[in-house]
Amino acid sequence: MTVTYDYTGRSVLVTGGTRGLGLGVARAFARAGAEVTVCARRPPERDEFRFVPADVREPADVERLVAAFDRLDVVVNNAGGSPYAPLEGTSPRLHARVIELNLTAPLLVAQYARPLLAAARGAVVMVGSVSGTRPSPGTSAYGAAKAGLHHLARCLAAEWAPEVRVNTVVVGLAATESAADHYGGAGGGLGAAIPAGRPAGPEDVARACLWLAAPGYVTGAEVRVDGGGEIPLWRGLAQE
């Protein structure tokens, strides 16, 4: 069964929508008929959507970004990420910036966008991570920020109901450019750690975003897009 969505006439903002998962989400909304705007600090390689340069960690940039809209139906807070950065021996400023990008920035974007979203009875979709649901060694600040993001979404869902719905897509191991940088040569074997047999792709995350952003009843929810989770090491040991 194929599920289709019609976003004709609706305005969608995807932060960090110029590459990786965000680009896949932006393309999915465009295929569904939406007027898509993407933002990032650097312009995209291809001119596919309206692009507004913005650093979503900066309130002035976020205010300018939202001011470019007359109508806004959906915000996908996708911008995020972190380098591998063990806490010991790394710059406190690096960890602060990671938290700003993955927690403070989505809060700012949602805050500034709320009046337009309320007028349209729209939706916010937060792109979270399994790093916010289990230990995240080597990316502790990122995991803590994503855990905060999940909770922020639940808080806003209650605070802004019923005008604006707020939900989270909790993404597991994903096949993106940043994953290749993070896992190096081992990245190709990630599927062995996932029950579904492969990492999530942009299209998997996009389908969840399309569903959560469509008018409906669901708010304050966390939809896991993780292929069934991560297979624990003890399973292999037990089989041996």
Protein backbone atom coordinates (compact mmCIF):
# COMPACT_ATOMS: atom_id res chain seq x y z
CA MET A 1 0.00 0.00 0.00
CA THR A 2 1.29 3.43 -0.94
CA VAL A 3 0.33 6.41 1.24
CA THR A 4 0.27 9.78 -0.50
CA TYR A 5 0.02 13.27 0.97
CA ASP A 6 -1.23 16.50 -0.56
CA TYR A 7 0.52 19.59 0.78
CA THR A 8 -0.52 21.82 -2.11
CA GLY A 9 -0.74 25.45 -1.00
CA ARG A 10 1.06 24.80 2.28
CA SER A 11 4.29 26.45 3.33
CA VAL A 12 6.99 24.28 4.90
CA LEU A 13 10.30 25.27 6.51
CA VAL A 14 13.04 22.67 6.91
CA THR A 15 16.03 23.81 8.94
CA GLY A 16 19.31 22.29 7.84
CA GLY A 17 17.51 21.31 4.66
CA THR A 18 20.41 21.60 2.22
CA ARG A 19 21.99 18.18 2.78
CA GLY A 20 21.53 14.78 4.43
CA LEU A 21 18.25 13.90 6.09
CA GLY A 22 17.00 17.49 5.86
CA LEU A 23 17.40 17.57 2.10
CA GLY A 24 15.48 14.30 1.79
CA VAL A 25 12.68 15.69 3.96
CA ALA A 26 12.54 18.90 1.91
CA ARG A 27 12.31 16.96 -1.34
CA ALA A 28 9.50 14.77 0.03
CA PHE A 29 7.41 17.79 1.00
CA ALA A 30 8.08 19.38 -2.40
CA ARG A 31 6.91 16.22 -4.17
CA ALA A 32 3.74 16.40 -2.08
CA GLY A 33 3.07 19.88 -3.45
CA ALA A 34 4.35 22.08 -0.63
CA GLU A 35 6.12 25.40 -1.04
CA VAL A 36 9.40 24.49 0.65
CA THR A 37 11.95 26.82 2.20
CA VAL A 38 15.25 25.54 3.53
CA CYS A 39 17.80 27.29 5.69
CA ALA A 40 21.42 26.66 6.59
CA ARG A 41 24.57 28.62 7.10
CA ARG A 42 25.85 27.75 3.61
CA PRO A 43 23.85 27.66 0.35
CA PRO A 44 22.84 24.31 -1.18
CA GLU A 45 24.75 22.73 -4.05
CA ARG A 46 21.60 22.77 -6.21
CA ASP A 47 18.90 25.41 -6.50
CA GLU A 48 15.87 23.27 -5.64
CA PHE A 49 13.99 25.32 -3.05
CA ARG A 50 13.80 28.82 -1.70
CA PHE A 51 16.91 29.23 0.42
CA VAL A 52 17.32 31.63 3.33
CA PRO A 53 20.81 31.76 4.86
CA ALA A 54 20.56 31.55 8.64
CA ASP A 55 22.40 30.28 11.68
CA VAL A 56 19.48 29.01 13.75
CA ARG A 57 21.54 29.34 16.93
CA GLU A 58 21.35 33.12 16.56
CA PRO A 59 18.05 34.81 17.60
CA ALA A 60 18.50 37.65 15.09
CA ASP A 61 18.93 35.16 12.24
CA VAL A 62 15.87 33.19 13.33
CA GLU A 63 13.78 36.35 13.57
CA ARG A 64 14.86 37.36 10.05
CA LEU A 65 14.18 33.85 8.76
CA VAL A 66 10.61 33.71 10.07
CA ALA A 67 9.93 37.29 8.90
CA ALA A 68 10.34 36.02 5.32
CA PHE A 69 7.02 34.13 5.61
CA ASP A 70 3.47 35.39 5.21
CA ARG A 71 2.14 31.92 5.98
CA LEU A 72 3.76 28.93 7.63
CA ASP A 73 2.08 25.55 8.03
CA VAL A 74 4.92 23.24 9.01
CA VAL A 75 8.34 23.59 10.62
CA VAL A 76 10.70 20.62 10.52
CA ASN A 77 13.46 21.33 13.04
CA ASN A 78 16.12 19.18 11.44
CA ALA A 79 19.32 21.21 11.88
CA GLY A 80 21.63 19.43 14.29
CA GLY A 81 24.56 17.11 14.69
CA SER A 82 27.88 16.81 16.48
CA PRO A 83 31.44 15.74 15.81
CA TYR A 84 32.89 12.90 17.83
CA ALA A 85 33.96 14.79 20.94
CA PRO A 86 34.72 12.92 24.19
CA LEU A 87 34.16 15.20 27.15
CA GLU A 88 37.69 14.93 28.51
CA GLY A 89 40.17 17.22 26.81
CA THR A 90 37.74 18.99 24.48
CA SER A 91 36.73 22.64 24.49
CA PRO A 92 33.81 23.65 26.74
CA ARG A 93 32.80 26.04 23.96
CA LEU A 94 32.44 23.12 21.53
CA HIS A 95 30.00 21.36 23.83
CA ALA A 96 28.08 24.58 24.42
CA ARG A 97 27.72 25.09 20.66
CA VAL A 98 26.53 21.49 20.22
CA ILE A 99 23.80 22.07 22.81
CA GLU A 100 22.87 25.39 21.19
CA LEU A 101 22.48 23.74 17.78
CA ASN A 102 20.55 20.68 18.92
CA LEU A 103 18.36 22.15 21.66
CA THR A 104 18.38 25.94 21.85
CA ALA A 105 18.05 26.45 18.08
CA PRO A 106 14.90 24.30 17.69
CA LEU A 107 13.40 26.13 20.66
CA LEU A 108 14.12 29.52 19.04
CA VAL A 109 12.73 28.49 15.65
CA ALA A 110 9.56 27.11 17.21
CA GLN A 111 9.15 30.18 19.40
CA TYR A 112 9.45 32.68 16.55
CA ALA A 113 7.33 30.57 14.20
CA ARG A 114 4.50 29.94 16.65
CA PRO A 115 2.22 32.90 15.66
CA LEU A 116 2.24 31.87 12.01
CA LEU A 117 1.82 28.19 12.86
CA ALA A 118 -1.10 28.97 15.19
CA ALA A 119 -2.82 30.99 12.48
CA ALA A 120 -2.52 28.03 10.11
CA ARG A 121 -3.29 25.38 12.76
CA GLY A 122 0.06 23.97 11.79
CA ALA A 123 2.67 21.60 13.14
CA VAL A 124 6.24 21.36 14.33
CA VAL A 125 8.25 18.19 13.76
CA MET A 126 11.43 17.85 15.79
CA VAL A 127 14.10 15.56 14.37
CA GLY A 128 15.45 13.79 17.44
CA SER A 129 17.86 10.92 17.89
CA VAL A 130 18.25 7.62 19.69
CA SER A 131 21.33 9.26 21.22
CA GLY A 132 18.84 11.08 23.43
CA THR A 133 17.30 7.82 24.64
CA ARG A 134 20.37 5.77 25.56
CA PRO A 135 24.02 6.46 26.50
CA SER A 136 25.90 8.37 23.82
CA PRO A 137 29.62 7.97 24.66
CA GLY A 138 31.80 10.32 22.69
CA THR A 139 28.88 12.62 21.93
CA SER A 140 27.58 13.24 25.44
CA ALA A 141 26.56 16.87 24.85
CA TYR A 142 24.70 15.83 21.70
CA GLY A 143 22.85 13.01 23.48
CA ALA A 144 21.92 15.28 26.36
CA ALA A 145 20.69 17.96 23.96
CA LYS A 146 18.56 15.47 22.02
CA ALA A 147 17.05 14.15 25.26
CA GLY A 148 16.17 17.75 26.06
CA LEU A 149 14.73 18.22 22.58
CA HIS A 150 12.40 15.25 23.04
CA HIS A 151 11.16 16.71 26.31
CA LEU A 152 10.86 20.19 24.81
CA ALA A 153 8.54 18.80 22.14
CA ARG A 154 6.29 17.21 24.74
CA CYS A 155 6.20 20.46 26.71
CA LEU A 156 5.33 22.57 23.65
CA ALA A 157 2.71 20.07 22.56
CA ALA A 158 0.91 20.63 25.86
CA GLU A 159 1.59 24.37 25.99
CA TRP A 160 0.46 25.16 22.44
CA ALA A 161 -2.47 22.77 22.05
CA PRO A 162 -4.78 22.77 20.27
CA GLU A 163 -3.55 25.44 17.84
CA VAL A 164 -0.14 23.89 17.11
CA ARG A 165 0.80 20.23 17.20
CA VAL A 166 4.38 19.28 18.14
CA ASN A 167 5.86 15.81 17.61
CA THR A 168 9.28 14.17 17.36
CA VAL A 169 10.86 11.73 14.94
CA VAL A 170 13.48 9.77 16.91
CA VAL A 171 16.02 8.72 14.29
CA GLY A 172 18.33 5.75 14.76
CA LEU A 173 21.55 5.00 12.90
CA ALA A 174 21.19 6.80 9.57
CA ALA A 175 23.02 6.74 6.25
CA THR A 176 24.16 10.35 5.80
CA GLU A 177 27.34 12.24 4.99
CA SER A 178 27.94 12.89 8.67
CA ALA A 179 27.55 9.20 9.50
CA ALA A 180 30.27 8.37 7.00
CA ASP A 181 32.55 10.90 8.70
CA HIS A 182 31.62 9.62 12.17
CA TYR A 183 32.02 5.88 11.60
CA GLY A 184 34.65 5.95 8.86
CA GLY A 185 35.27 2.63 7.12
CA ALA A 186 32.97 0.83 9.54
CA GLY A 187 29.96 2.81 8.31
CA GLY A 188 29.14 0.26 5.63
CA GLY A 189 28.56 -2.40 8.27
CA LEU A 190 26.02 -0.49 10.33
CA GLY A 191 23.20 -2.67 9.02
CA ALA A 192 24.52 -5.61 11.04
CA ALA A 193 23.63 -3.73 14.23
CA ILE A 194 20.04 -3.00 13.18
CA PRO A 195 17.18 -5.54 13.12
CA ALA A 196 15.86 -4.07 9.84
CA GLY A 197 19.23 -4.84 8.25
CA ARG A 198 20.13 -1.30 7.16
CA PRO A 199 20.44 2.23 8.52
CA ALA A 200 17.61 4.71 8.08
CA GLY A 201 17.64 6.72 4.88
CA PRO A 202 16.29 10.20 4.19
CA GLU A 203 13.14 8.71 2.68
CA ASP A 204 12.38 6.81 5.91
CA VAL A 205 12.62 9.95 8.01
CA ALA A 206 10.67 11.94 5.42
CA ARG A 207 7.71 9.54 5.53
CA ALA A 208 7.41 9.98 9.28
CA CYS A 209 7.64 13.77 8.93
CA LEU A 210 4.93 13.84 6.25
CA TRP A 211 2.59 11.87 8.50
CA LEU A 212 3.22 13.87 11.66
CA ALA A 213 2.90 17.21 9.85
CA ALA A 214 -0.43 16.33 8.22
CA PRO A 215 -3.55 17.63 9.99
CA GLY A 216 -4.61 15.18 12.65
CA TYR A 217 -5.00 14.33 16.30
CA VAL A 218 -1.49 13.20 17.23
CA THR A 219 0.62 15.60 19.29
CA GLY A 220 3.34 15.15 21.89
CA ALA A 221 4.32 11.83 20.31
CA GLU A 222 7.72 10.31 19.61
CA VAL A 223 7.88 8.15 16.50
CA ARG A 224 10.98 5.96 16.40
CA VAL A 225 12.53 5.53 12.97
CA ASP A 226 15.33 3.19 14.01
CA GLY A 227 14.72 -0.07 12.15
CA GLY A 228 13.89 -1.87 15.38
CA GLY A 229 16.69 -0.42 17.51
CA GLU A 230 20.25 -1.64 17.90
CA ILE A 231 21.16 -5.30 18.39
CA PRO A 232 23.05 -5.66 21.72
CA LEU A 233 26.47 -7.27 21.83
CA TRP A 234 25.28 -9.98 24.22
CA ARG A 235 23.02 -11.44 21.52
CA GLY A 236 26.02 -12.49 19.48
CA LEU A 237 27.78 -13.80 22.56
CA ALA A 238 24.74 -15.86 23.55
CA GLN A 239 24.47 -17.35 20.06
CA GLU A 240 28.13 -18.35 20.15
